[in-house]
Amino acid sequence: MGIFTKKAAEASETSTKKNEKRTIVVNDPKFDKVLQKFAELKAKADAAVAALNLVKDEITPMGMDIFNEEYQKTGVYPESFNVQSTSGATAMFIPTDKYTVKLTKETFAYLAEKYDGLVEDTIEFGLNADVLNREGVGDKVEKALVKVLGEKLTEELITSKSVKKVKKGSIEKALTVGKGKKGKVTIGEFWGDIQPTCYFKDPRK
């Protein structure tokens, strides 16, 4: 049995297995007490996480405003920094070189037109599963891909897709590339276009 045939059989077998769990009743008062406590603390923890996420959604934009002001004032990428409130509460603000903007064909074209060298489009190649699953193809691929399949089938086997993304290091270029081709884009507008991931950590009172 070839590798592709074997893997296909394993995948088919796994997908047909039922995930049925039996219940074991434990007649132990101590176990009951601990399990009840576990369920209670888990519920509280879930509620605390939900509340924390709401606070994060509120404070992160505030951190971005501080970050923008510092960036504009110094003219230098601020990197990570600590903040302190008037009461003495502290936290660290961390900007990252990751971006949440969804680059569709339209948004990619928009950013490419607005900024010089901000986005890039690379091509990733893969194998066409429909061709690979044809009778006998899997065995032939194991022995010798191009030589055995021939130029035409090999060409059909290889697929490609476009991967559009904001270039690494873009968050550090708000005052250069981020100014846009016409030099009129503000830092806040630049962040809105590329949507960098930023967050606070280690809050303390």
N, C-alpha and C. Protein backbone atom coordinates (compact mmCIF):
# COMPACT_ATOMS: atom_id res chain seq x y z
N MET A 1 0.85 -1.20 0.00
CA MET A 1 0.00 0.00 0.00
C MET A 1 0.88 1.24 0.00
N GLY A 2 0.64 2.16 -0.95
CA GLY A 2 1.43 3.38 -1.04
C GLY A 2 1.14 4.33 0.10
N ILE A 3 2.00 5.34 0.26
CA ILE A 3 1.85 6.31 1.34
C ILE A 3 0.54 7.08 1.22
N PHE A 4 0.22 7.53 0.01
CA PHE A 4 -0.99 8.32 -0.18
C PHE A 4 -2.23 7.48 0.09
N THR A 5 -2.22 6.22 -0.36
CA THR A 5 -3.35 5.31 -0.13
C THR A 5 -3.52 5.04 1.36
N LYS A 6 -2.39 4.82 2.04
CA LYS A 6 -2.42 4.54 3.47
C LYS A 6 -2.96 5.73 4.26
N LYS A 7 -2.49 6.93 3.93
CA LYS A 7 -2.94 8.14 4.62
C LYS A 7 -4.42 8.39 4.38
N ALA A 8 -4.87 8.12 3.15
CA ALA A 8 -6.29 8.30 2.84
C ALA A 8 -7.15 7.36 3.64
N ALA A 9 -6.68 6.10 3.80
CA ALA A 9 -7.42 5.12 4.59
C ALA A 9 -7.48 5.51 6.05
N GLU A 10 -6.34 6.02 6.58
CA GLU A 10 -6.30 6.45 7.97
C GLU A 10 -7.24 7.62 8.22
N ALA A 11 -7.27 8.57 7.28
CA ALA A 11 -8.14 9.73 7.43
C ALA A 11 -9.60 9.31 7.40
N SER A 12 -9.93 8.36 6.52
CA SER A 12 -11.31 7.88 6.42
C SER A 12 -11.74 7.17 7.69
N GLU A 13 -10.83 6.36 8.24
CA GLU A 13 -11.13 5.62 9.47
C GLU A 13 -11.34 6.56 10.64
N THR A 14 -10.50 7.57 10.74
CA THR A 14 -10.60 8.54 11.84
C THR A 14 -11.89 9.32 11.78
N SER A 15 -12.31 9.70 10.58
CA SER A 15 -13.51 10.52 10.42
C SER A 15 -14.79 9.77 10.76
N THR A 16 -14.73 8.42 10.73
CA THR A 16 -15.94 7.64 10.99
C THR A 16 -16.08 7.25 12.46
N LYS A 17 -15.06 7.48 13.25
CA LYS A 17 -15.13 7.14 14.66
C LYS A 17 -16.06 8.08 15.40
N LYS A 18 -16.90 7.54 16.26
CA LYS A 18 -17.83 8.36 17.03
C LYS A 18 -17.19 8.79 18.34
N ASN A 19 -17.43 10.01 18.71
CA ASN A 19 -16.86 10.55 19.94
C ASN A 19 -17.89 10.43 21.08
N GLU A 20 -18.19 9.20 21.45
CA GLU A 20 -19.17 8.96 22.51
C GLU A 20 -18.43 8.68 23.82
N LYS A 21 -18.77 9.46 24.84
CA LYS A 21 -18.14 9.31 26.15
C LYS A 21 -19.14 8.76 27.16
N ARG A 22 -18.74 7.74 27.87
CA ARG A 22 -19.62 7.21 28.92
C ARG A 22 -19.43 8.00 30.20
N THR A 23 -20.42 7.98 31.04
CA THR A 23 -20.38 8.70 32.31
C THR A 23 -20.19 7.73 33.46
N ILE A 24 -19.22 8.02 34.31
CA ILE A 24 -18.95 7.19 35.49
C ILE A 24 -19.39 7.96 36.73
N VAL A 25 -20.33 7.43 37.46
CA VAL A 25 -20.81 8.07 38.69
C VAL A 25 -19.87 7.70 39.83
N VAL A 26 -19.27 8.74 40.45
CA VAL A 26 -18.31 8.52 41.53
C VAL A 26 -19.01 8.76 42.87
N ASN A 27 -19.16 7.73 43.66
CA ASN A 27 -19.86 7.82 44.95
C ASN A 27 -18.85 8.15 46.05
N ASP A 28 -18.41 9.43 46.04
CA ASP A 28 -17.40 9.85 47.01
C ASP A 28 -17.68 11.31 47.38
N PRO A 29 -18.10 11.58 48.62
CA PRO A 29 -18.43 12.95 49.05
C PRO A 29 -17.28 13.94 48.86
N LYS A 30 -16.05 13.50 49.12
CA LYS A 30 -14.90 14.39 48.96
C LYS A 30 -14.72 14.78 47.50
N PHE A 31 -14.86 13.79 46.62
CA PHE A 31 -14.74 14.06 45.18
C PHE A 31 -15.83 15.04 44.73
N ASP A 32 -17.04 14.84 45.25
CA ASP A 32 -18.15 15.72 44.91
C ASP A 32 -17.85 17.16 45.31
N LYS A 33 -17.30 17.33 46.50
CA LYS A 33 -16.99 18.66 47.01
C LYS A 33 -15.94 19.36 46.14
N VAL A 34 -14.89 18.60 45.79
CA VAL A 34 -13.82 19.17 44.97
C VAL A 34 -14.32 19.49 43.57
N LEU A 35 -15.15 18.61 43.01
CA LEU A 35 -15.67 18.84 41.67
C LEU A 35 -16.59 20.05 41.62
N GLN A 36 -17.40 20.21 42.65
CA GLN A 36 -18.28 21.37 42.75
C GLN A 36 -17.45 22.66 42.82
N LYS A 37 -16.35 22.62 43.60
CA LYS A 37 -15.48 23.77 43.73
C LYS A 37 -14.82 24.10 42.40
N PHE A 38 -14.40 23.05 41.71
CA PHE A 38 -13.77 23.21 40.41
C PHE A 38 -14.72 23.89 39.42
N ALA A 39 -15.96 23.43 39.38
CA ALA A 39 -16.96 24.01 38.48
C ALA A 39 -17.24 25.46 38.83
N GLU A 40 -17.31 25.75 40.14
CA GLU A 40 -17.58 27.12 40.60
C GLU A 40 -16.44 28.07 40.23
N LEU A 41 -15.19 27.64 40.45
CA LEU A 41 -14.04 28.49 40.13
C LEU A 41 -13.88 28.67 38.62
N LYS A 42 -14.20 27.62 37.85
CA LYS A 42 -14.12 27.72 36.39
C LYS A 42 -15.13 28.74 35.87
N ALA A 43 -16.32 28.74 36.45
CA ALA A 43 -17.35 29.70 36.05
C ALA A 43 -16.90 31.13 36.38
N LYS A 44 -16.30 31.31 37.56
CA LYS A 44 -15.80 32.63 37.94
C LYS A 44 -14.65 33.08 37.03
N ALA A 45 -13.78 32.13 36.69
CA ALA A 45 -12.65 32.45 35.83
C ALA A 45 -13.13 32.87 34.44
N ASP A 46 -14.13 32.17 33.93
CA ASP A 46 -14.69 32.52 32.61
C ASP A 46 -15.29 33.92 32.63
N ALA A 47 -16.00 34.23 33.75
CA ALA A 47 -16.61 35.55 33.88
C ALA A 47 -15.53 36.63 33.97
N ALA A 48 -14.44 36.32 34.70
CA ALA A 48 -13.35 37.27 34.83
C ALA A 48 -12.65 37.51 33.50
N VAL A 49 -12.49 36.46 32.70
CA VAL A 49 -11.86 36.60 31.38
C VAL A 49 -12.72 37.48 30.48
N ALA A 50 -14.03 37.28 30.54
CA ALA A 50 -14.95 38.09 29.73
C ALA A 50 -14.85 39.57 30.12
N ALA A 51 -14.81 39.83 31.44
CA ALA A 51 -14.69 41.21 31.92
C ALA A 51 -13.34 41.80 31.53
N LEU A 52 -12.28 40.98 31.61
CA LEU A 52 -10.94 41.44 31.23
C LEU A 52 -10.87 41.82 29.76
N ASN A 53 -11.52 41.02 28.92
CA ASN A 53 -11.52 41.31 27.48
C ASN A 53 -12.22 42.63 27.18
N LEU A 54 -13.28 42.93 27.93
CA LEU A 54 -13.98 44.21 27.75
C LEU A 54 -13.07 45.38 28.11
N VAL A 55 -12.33 45.23 29.21
CA VAL A 55 -11.40 46.29 29.63
C VAL A 55 -10.27 46.44 28.60
N LYS A 56 -9.79 45.31 28.07
CA LYS A 56 -8.74 45.37 27.04
C LYS A 56 -9.22 46.14 25.82
N ASP A 57 -10.47 45.88 25.43
CA ASP A 57 -11.02 46.58 24.26
C ASP A 57 -11.11 48.09 24.49
N GLU A 58 -11.25 48.47 25.77
CA GLU A 58 -11.35 49.89 26.10
C GLU A 58 -9.98 50.56 26.23
N ILE A 59 -9.03 49.84 26.84
CA ILE A 59 -7.75 50.48 27.15
C ILE A 59 -6.75 50.43 25.99
N THR A 60 -6.86 49.44 25.11
CA THR A 60 -5.89 49.34 24.00
C THR A 60 -5.91 50.54 23.08
N PRO A 61 -7.09 51.06 22.67
CA PRO A 61 -7.09 52.28 21.86
C PRO A 61 -6.47 53.47 22.58
N MET A 62 -6.64 53.52 23.92
CA MET A 62 -6.00 54.59 24.69
C MET A 62 -4.49 54.47 24.59
N GLY A 63 -4.00 53.23 24.65
CA GLY A 63 -2.56 53.01 24.51
C GLY A 63 -2.06 53.41 23.14
N MET A 64 -2.87 53.15 22.12
CA MET A 64 -2.50 53.55 20.76
C MET A 64 -2.39 55.07 20.65
N ASP A 65 -3.29 55.78 21.34
CA ASP A 65 -3.23 57.25 21.32
C ASP A 65 -1.94 57.74 21.95
N ILE A 66 -1.55 57.14 23.09
CA ILE A 66 -0.30 57.51 23.76
C ILE A 66 0.89 57.20 22.85
N PHE A 67 0.83 56.03 22.23
CA PHE A 67 1.88 55.59 21.30
C PHE A 67 2.02 56.58 20.14
N ASN A 68 0.88 56.99 19.58
CA ASN A 68 0.89 57.94 18.46
C ASN A 68 1.52 59.27 18.86
N GLU A 69 1.11 59.77 20.03
CA GLU A 69 1.63 61.06 20.51
C GLU A 69 3.14 61.01 20.71
N GLU A 70 3.61 59.91 21.30
CA GLU A 70 5.04 59.76 21.56
C GLU A 70 5.81 59.65 20.24
N TYR A 71 5.25 58.89 19.32
CA TYR A 71 5.87 58.70 18.00
C TYR A 71 6.01 60.05 17.29
N GLN A 72 4.92 60.82 17.31
CA GLN A 72 4.89 62.12 16.64
C GLN A 72 5.83 63.12 17.32
N LYS A 73 5.86 63.09 18.64
CA LYS A 73 6.66 64.06 19.41
C LYS A 73 8.15 63.83 19.25
N THR A 74 8.57 62.56 19.31
CA THR A 74 10.00 62.24 19.27
C THR A 74 10.52 62.01 17.85
N GLY A 75 9.61 61.62 16.95
CA GLY A 75 10.03 61.30 15.59
C GLY A 75 10.75 59.98 15.50
N VAL A 76 10.68 59.19 16.57
CA VAL A 76 11.36 57.89 16.62
C VAL A 76 10.35 56.82 17.03
N TYR A 77 10.44 55.63 16.43
CA TYR A 77 9.56 54.53 16.80
C TYR A 77 9.74 54.21 18.29
N PRO A 78 8.67 54.32 19.10
CA PRO A 78 8.79 54.19 20.56
C PRO A 78 9.08 52.79 21.08
N GLU A 79 8.80 51.75 20.30
CA GLU A 79 8.91 50.36 20.76
C GLU A 79 8.01 50.18 21.99
N SER A 80 8.33 49.22 22.87
CA SER A 80 7.53 48.99 24.07
C SER A 80 7.86 50.04 25.12
N PHE A 81 6.87 50.39 25.95
CA PHE A 81 7.13 51.36 27.01
C PHE A 81 6.16 51.13 28.16
N ASN A 82 6.54 51.59 29.33
CA ASN A 82 5.68 51.50 30.52
C ASN A 82 4.83 52.75 30.64
N VAL A 83 3.63 52.59 31.15
CA VAL A 83 2.75 53.73 31.43
C VAL A 83 2.37 53.70 32.91
N GLN A 84 2.10 54.86 33.46
CA GLN A 84 1.70 54.96 34.87
C GLN A 84 0.61 56.01 34.99
N SER A 85 -0.45 55.65 35.72
CA SER A 85 -1.55 56.59 35.93
C SER A 85 -1.26 57.46 37.14
N THR A 86 -2.12 58.45 37.41
CA THR A 86 -1.90 59.36 38.53
C THR A 86 -2.00 58.66 39.88
N SER A 87 -2.70 57.52 39.92
CA SER A 87 -2.82 56.77 41.18
C SER A 87 -1.65 55.84 41.41
N GLY A 88 -0.79 55.68 40.41
CA GLY A 88 0.37 54.81 40.54
C GLY A 88 0.22 53.47 39.86
N ALA A 89 -0.93 53.21 39.26
CA ALA A 89 -1.12 51.96 38.52
C ALA A 89 -0.22 51.96 37.29
N THR A 90 0.35 50.79 36.97
CA THR A 90 1.29 50.70 35.85
C THR A 90 0.95 49.53 34.92
N ALA A 91 1.47 49.61 33.73
CA ALA A 91 1.35 48.52 32.75
C ALA A 91 2.36 48.78 31.64
N MET A 92 2.63 47.76 30.86
CA MET A 92 3.53 47.91 29.72
C MET A 92 2.71 47.85 28.43
N PHE A 93 2.99 48.78 27.52
CA PHE A 93 2.32 48.80 26.22
C PHE A 93 3.27 48.22 25.18
N ILE A 94 2.78 47.25 24.41
CA ILE A 94 3.63 46.54 23.46
C ILE A 94 3.04 46.58 22.05
N PRO A 95 3.66 47.32 21.14
CA PRO A 95 3.27 47.28 19.73
C PRO A 95 3.96 46.09 19.06
N THR A 96 3.33 45.48 18.09
CA THR A 96 3.94 44.33 17.42
C THR A 96 4.00 44.55 15.92
N ASP A 97 4.80 43.74 15.27
CA ASP A 97 4.95 43.81 13.81
C ASP A 97 3.99 42.83 13.14
N LYS A 98 2.75 42.80 13.66
CA LYS A 98 1.70 41.96 13.10
C LYS A 98 0.50 42.84 12.78
N TYR A 99 -0.22 42.50 11.72
CA TYR A 99 -1.28 43.39 11.22
C TYR A 99 -2.56 42.60 10.96
N THR A 100 -3.69 43.17 11.40
CA THR A 100 -4.97 42.47 11.28
C THR A 100 -5.77 42.89 10.06
N VAL A 101 -5.27 43.84 9.29
CA VAL A 101 -6.00 44.29 8.11
C VAL A 101 -6.16 43.12 7.14
N LYS A 102 -7.37 42.93 6.62
CA LYS A 102 -7.65 41.86 5.66
C LYS A 102 -7.39 42.38 4.26
N LEU A 103 -6.37 41.82 3.63
CA LEU A 103 -5.97 42.32 2.32
C LEU A 103 -6.70 41.58 1.20
N THR A 104 -7.84 42.11 0.83
CA THR A 104 -8.53 41.63 -0.36
C THR A 104 -7.84 42.23 -1.58
N LYS A 105 -8.28 41.84 -2.74
CA LYS A 105 -7.71 42.40 -3.97
C LYS A 105 -7.88 43.91 -4.00
N GLU A 106 -9.05 44.38 -3.49
CA GLU A 106 -9.34 45.81 -3.51
C GLU A 106 -8.50 46.58 -2.49
N THR A 107 -8.43 46.06 -1.25
CA THR A 107 -7.65 46.77 -0.22
C THR A 107 -6.16 46.74 -0.54
N PHE A 108 -5.70 45.65 -1.13
CA PHE A 108 -4.29 45.57 -1.53
C PHE A 108 -3.98 46.65 -2.56
N ALA A 109 -4.85 46.77 -3.55
CA ALA A 109 -4.64 47.78 -4.59
C ALA A 109 -4.69 49.19 -4.00
N TYR A 110 -5.60 49.40 -3.04
CA TYR A 110 -5.73 50.70 -2.39
C TYR A 110 -4.45 51.08 -1.64
N LEU A 111 -3.91 50.14 -0.84
CA LEU A 111 -2.71 50.42 -0.07
C LEU A 111 -1.47 50.54 -0.96
N ALA A 112 -1.43 49.75 -2.02
CA ALA A 112 -0.30 49.83 -2.94
C ALA A 112 -0.28 51.17 -3.67
N GLU A 113 -1.44 51.72 -3.92
CA GLU A 113 -1.55 53.01 -4.58
C GLU A 113 -1.23 54.15 -3.62
N LYS A 114 -1.61 53.97 -2.35
CA LYS A 114 -1.46 55.04 -1.35
C LYS A 114 -0.05 55.11 -0.77
N TYR A 115 0.59 53.93 -0.58
CA TYR A 115 1.91 53.89 0.06
C TYR A 115 2.94 53.25 -0.87
N ASP A 116 4.19 53.65 -0.69
CA ASP A 116 5.28 53.13 -1.51
C ASP A 116 5.97 51.98 -0.79
N GLY A 117 5.80 50.75 -1.28
CA GLY A 117 6.49 49.59 -0.71
C GLY A 117 5.94 49.09 0.60
N LEU A 118 4.66 49.33 0.89
CA LEU A 118 4.08 48.91 2.16
C LEU A 118 3.60 47.46 2.13
N VAL A 119 3.01 47.04 1.03
CA VAL A 119 2.44 45.69 0.94
C VAL A 119 3.18 44.87 -0.11
N GLU A 120 3.08 43.54 0.01
CA GLU A 120 3.72 42.66 -0.95
C GLU A 120 2.80 41.49 -1.28
N ASP A 121 2.96 40.96 -2.47
CA ASP A 121 2.14 39.86 -2.96
C ASP A 121 3.07 38.74 -3.40
N THR A 122 3.06 37.62 -2.65
CA THR A 122 3.91 36.48 -2.99
C THR A 122 3.04 35.31 -3.45
N ILE A 123 3.61 34.42 -4.19
CA ILE A 123 2.89 33.26 -4.71
C ILE A 123 3.36 32.00 -3.99
N GLU A 124 2.41 31.22 -3.45
CA GLU A 124 2.71 29.95 -2.80
C GLU A 124 2.21 28.82 -3.69
N PHE A 125 3.03 27.79 -3.86
CA PHE A 125 2.66 26.66 -4.70
C PHE A 125 2.28 25.45 -3.84
N GLY A 126 1.39 24.63 -4.38
CA GLY A 126 0.96 23.43 -3.67
C GLY A 126 0.60 22.34 -4.66
N LEU A 127 0.05 21.23 -4.15
CA LEU A 127 -0.32 20.11 -5.00
C LEU A 127 -1.83 20.04 -5.14
N ASN A 128 -2.30 19.78 -6.33
CA ASN A 128 -3.73 19.65 -6.60
C ASN A 128 -4.20 18.30 -6.10
N ALA A 129 -5.02 18.30 -5.04
CA ALA A 129 -5.47 17.05 -4.42
C ALA A 129 -6.29 16.19 -5.37
N ASP A 130 -7.09 16.81 -6.23
CA ASP A 130 -7.92 16.06 -7.18
C ASP A 130 -7.05 15.23 -8.13
N VAL A 131 -5.96 15.82 -8.58
CA VAL A 131 -5.04 15.10 -9.46
C VAL A 131 -4.31 14.01 -8.69
N LEU A 132 -3.87 14.36 -7.47
CA LEU A 132 -3.11 13.42 -6.65
C LEU A 132 -3.92 12.18 -6.31
N ASN A 133 -5.24 12.33 -6.19
CA ASN A 133 -6.12 11.22 -5.82
C ASN A 133 -6.56 10.36 -7.01
N ARG A 134 -6.14 10.72 -8.21
CA ARG A 134 -6.46 9.87 -9.36
C ARG A 134 -5.79 8.51 -9.21
N GLU A 135 -6.43 7.50 -9.73
CA GLU A 135 -5.95 6.13 -9.57
C GLU A 135 -4.51 5.99 -10.08
N GLY A 136 -3.63 5.53 -9.20
CA GLY A 136 -2.25 5.28 -9.57
C GLY A 136 -1.32 6.46 -9.46
N VAL A 137 -1.88 7.67 -9.36
CA VAL A 137 -1.02 8.86 -9.35
C VAL A 137 -0.17 8.90 -8.08
N GLY A 138 -0.79 8.58 -6.94
CA GLY A 138 -0.06 8.63 -5.67
C GLY A 138 1.18 7.76 -5.70
N ASP A 139 1.06 6.53 -6.24
CA ASP A 139 2.21 5.63 -6.32
C ASP A 139 3.28 6.17 -7.25
N LYS A 140 2.84 6.78 -8.34
CA LYS A 140 3.80 7.34 -9.30
C LYS A 140 4.56 8.51 -8.69
N VAL A 141 3.84 9.34 -7.90
CA VAL A 141 4.49 10.48 -7.25
C VAL A 141 5.58 10.01 -6.31
N GLU A 142 5.32 8.91 -5.59
CA GLU A 142 6.30 8.38 -4.65
C GLU A 142 7.57 7.94 -5.38
N LYS A 143 7.43 7.43 -6.56
CA LYS A 143 8.59 6.90 -7.28
C LYS A 143 9.37 8.00 -8.00
N ALA A 144 8.65 8.80 -8.74
CA ALA A 144 9.36 9.87 -9.48
C ALA A 144 8.34 10.83 -10.05
N LEU A 145 8.21 11.99 -9.44
CA LEU A 145 7.15 12.94 -9.77
C LEU A 145 7.17 13.38 -11.23
N VAL A 146 8.08 14.14 -11.60
CA VAL A 146 8.05 14.73 -12.94
C VAL A 146 8.31 13.71 -14.03
N LYS A 147 9.28 12.85 -13.82
CA LYS A 147 9.67 11.89 -14.87
C LYS A 147 8.53 10.94 -15.22
N VAL A 148 7.78 10.51 -14.24
CA VAL A 148 6.73 9.51 -14.47
C VAL A 148 5.44 10.15 -14.93
N LEU A 149 5.05 11.28 -14.32
CA LEU A 149 3.76 11.89 -14.64
C LEU A 149 3.77 12.63 -15.97
N GLY A 150 4.89 13.12 -16.37
CA GLY A 150 4.94 13.87 -17.61
C GLY A 150 4.67 15.35 -17.37
N GLU A 151 5.01 16.17 -18.34
CA GLU A 151 4.94 17.61 -18.19
C GLU A 151 3.51 18.11 -18.00
N LYS A 152 2.55 17.58 -18.77
CA LYS A 152 1.18 18.07 -18.72
C LYS A 152 0.53 17.80 -17.37
N LEU A 153 0.62 16.56 -16.88
CA LEU A 153 -0.01 16.20 -15.61
C LEU A 153 0.69 16.87 -14.44
N THR A 154 2.00 17.00 -14.55
CA THR A 154 2.74 17.69 -13.50
C THR A 154 2.30 19.14 -13.39
N GLU A 155 2.07 19.75 -14.53
CA GLU A 155 1.61 21.13 -14.55
C GLU A 155 0.24 21.25 -13.89
N GLU A 156 -0.63 20.26 -14.12
CA GLU A 156 -1.96 20.26 -13.50
C GLU A 156 -1.87 20.01 -12.00
N LEU A 157 -0.87 19.23 -11.61
CA LEU A 157 -0.71 18.85 -10.21
C LEU A 157 -0.33 20.03 -9.34
N ILE A 158 0.47 20.94 -9.89
CA ILE A 158 0.96 22.08 -9.11
C ILE A 158 -0.04 23.22 -9.16
N THR A 159 -0.42 23.70 -8.00
CA THR A 159 -1.33 24.84 -7.89
C THR A 159 -0.59 26.01 -7.25
N SER A 160 -1.16 27.17 -7.37
CA SER A 160 -0.54 28.35 -6.76
C SER A 160 -1.62 29.26 -6.19
N LYS A 161 -1.26 30.02 -5.18
CA LYS A 161 -2.18 31.00 -4.62
C LYS A 161 -1.42 32.26 -4.24
N SER A 162 -2.13 33.36 -4.28
CA SER A 162 -1.54 34.66 -3.98
C SER A 162 -1.67 34.94 -2.48
N VAL A 163 -0.58 35.34 -1.85
CA VAL A 163 -0.58 35.69 -0.43
C VAL A 163 -0.21 37.16 -0.29
N LYS A 164 -1.18 37.96 0.06
CA LYS A 164 -0.97 39.40 0.18
C LYS A 164 -0.78 39.76 1.65
N LYS A 165 0.20 40.59 1.96
CA LYS A 165 0.44 40.96 3.36
C LYS A 165 1.16 42.30 3.45
N VAL A 166 1.02 42.89 4.65
CA VAL A 166 1.77 44.11 4.96
C VAL A 166 3.21 43.70 5.24
N LYS A 167 4.16 44.41 4.72
CA LYS A 167 5.57 44.05 4.88
C LYS A 167 6.01 44.15 6.34
N LYS A 168 6.91 43.27 6.72
CA LYS A 168 7.50 43.29 8.05
C LYS A 168 8.20 44.63 8.30
N GLY A 169 8.08 45.11 9.53
CA GLY A 169 8.75 46.36 9.89
C GLY A 169 7.97 47.61 9.57
N SER A 170 6.76 47.44 9.01
CA SER A 170 5.97 48.61 8.61
C SER A 170 5.59 49.51 9.78
N ILE A 171 5.40 48.91 10.96
CA ILE A 171 4.99 49.70 12.14
C ILE A 171 6.07 50.71 12.52
N GLU A 172 7.31 50.47 12.11
CA GLU A 172 8.41 51.38 12.44
C GLU A 172 8.59 52.48 11.39
N LYS A 173 7.70 52.51 10.38
CA LYS A 173 7.89 53.45 9.27
C LYS A 173 6.74 54.45 9.13
N ALA A 174 6.09 54.77 10.27
CA ALA A 174 4.95 55.68 10.22
C ALA A 174 5.34 57.07 9.72
N LEU A 175 6.57 57.48 9.96
CA LEU A 175 7.00 58.82 9.57
C LEU A 175 7.76 58.83 8.25
N THR A 176 7.86 57.66 7.60
CA THR A 176 8.51 57.59 6.28
C THR A 176 7.51 57.03 5.27
N VAL A 177 7.49 55.73 5.15
CA VAL A 177 6.52 55.08 4.25
C VAL A 177 5.10 55.44 4.64
N GLY A 178 4.86 55.51 5.97
CA GLY A 178 3.53 55.79 6.49
C GLY A 178 2.96 57.16 6.15
N LYS A 179 3.81 58.05 5.68
CA LYS A 179 3.34 59.37 5.26
C LYS A 179 2.56 59.30 3.94
N GLY A 180 2.70 58.15 3.26
CA GLY A 180 2.02 58.00 1.98
C GLY A 180 2.81 58.61 0.84
N LYS A 181 2.42 58.30 -0.37
CA LYS A 181 3.13 58.79 -1.53
C LYS A 181 3.05 60.30 -1.67
N LYS A 182 1.97 60.88 -1.13
CA LYS A 182 1.82 62.34 -1.21
C LYS A 182 2.31 63.04 0.05
N GLY A 183 2.75 62.26 1.06
CA GLY A 183 3.30 62.84 2.28
C GLY A 183 2.31 63.51 3.19
N LYS A 184 1.03 63.15 3.10
CA LYS A 184 -0.01 63.82 3.88
C LYS A 184 -0.74 62.90 4.86
N VAL A 185 -0.34 61.65 4.95
CA VAL A 185 -1.05 60.69 5.82
C VAL A 185 -0.58 60.86 7.27
N THR A 186 -1.54 60.95 8.20
CA THR A 186 -1.20 61.07 9.63
C THR A 186 -0.90 59.69 10.20
N ILE A 187 -0.29 59.68 11.38
CA ILE A 187 0.03 58.40 12.03
C ILE A 187 -1.26 57.63 12.32
N GLY A 188 -2.27 58.33 12.82
CA GLY A 188 -3.54 57.67 13.13
C GLY A 188 -4.18 57.04 11.90
N GLU A 189 -4.11 57.73 10.78
CA GLU A 189 -4.67 57.20 9.53
C GLU A 189 -3.87 55.99 9.06
N PHE A 190 -2.56 56.06 9.24
CA PHE A 190 -1.69 54.94 8.85
C PHE A 190 -2.03 53.70 9.66
N TRP A 191 -2.21 53.87 10.98
CA TRP A 191 -2.58 52.73 11.83
C TRP A 191 -3.93 52.16 11.39
N GLY A 192 -4.85 53.04 11.04
CA GLY A 192 -6.16 52.57 10.60
C GLY A 192 -6.07 51.75 9.33
N ASP A 193 -5.10 52.07 8.48
CA ASP A 193 -4.94 51.34 7.22
C ASP A 193 -4.30 49.97 7.42
N ILE A 194 -3.28 49.87 8.30
CA ILE A 194 -2.57 48.59 8.43
C ILE A 194 -2.99 47.79 9.67
N GLN A 195 -3.63 48.45 10.62
CA GLN A 195 -4.17 47.79 11.82
C GLN A 195 -3.14 46.91 12.54
N PRO A 196 -2.10 47.53 13.12
CA PRO A 196 -1.11 46.74 13.85
C PRO A 196 -1.69 46.17 15.15
N THR A 197 -1.21 45.01 15.55
CA THR A 197 -1.64 44.40 16.80
C THR A 197 -0.82 44.97 17.95
N CYS A 198 -1.50 45.57 18.94
CA CYS A 198 -0.84 46.12 20.12
C CYS A 198 -1.60 45.68 21.37
N TYR A 199 -0.91 45.63 22.49
CA TYR A 199 -1.58 45.21 23.71
C TYR A 199 -0.82 45.67 24.95
N PHE A 200 -1.53 45.63 26.10
CA PHE A 200 -0.92 45.92 27.39
C PHE A 200 -0.61 44.60 28.10
N LYS A 201 0.41 44.63 28.95
CA LYS A 201 0.71 43.45 29.78
C LYS A 201 1.21 43.90 31.15
N ASP A 202 1.18 42.99 32.10
CA ASP A 202 1.66 43.22 33.47
C ASP A 202 1.03 44.42 34.15
N PRO A 203 -0.31 44.55 34.13
CA PRO A 203 -0.93 45.68 34.87
C PRO A 203 -0.78 45.49 36.38
N ARG A 204 -0.48 46.58 37.08
CA ARG A 204 -0.30 46.51 38.55
C ARG A 204 -0.87 47.76 39.20
N LYS A 205 -1.41 47.58 40.39
CA LYS A 205 -1.97 48.71 41.14
C LYS A 205 -1.01 49.11 42.26
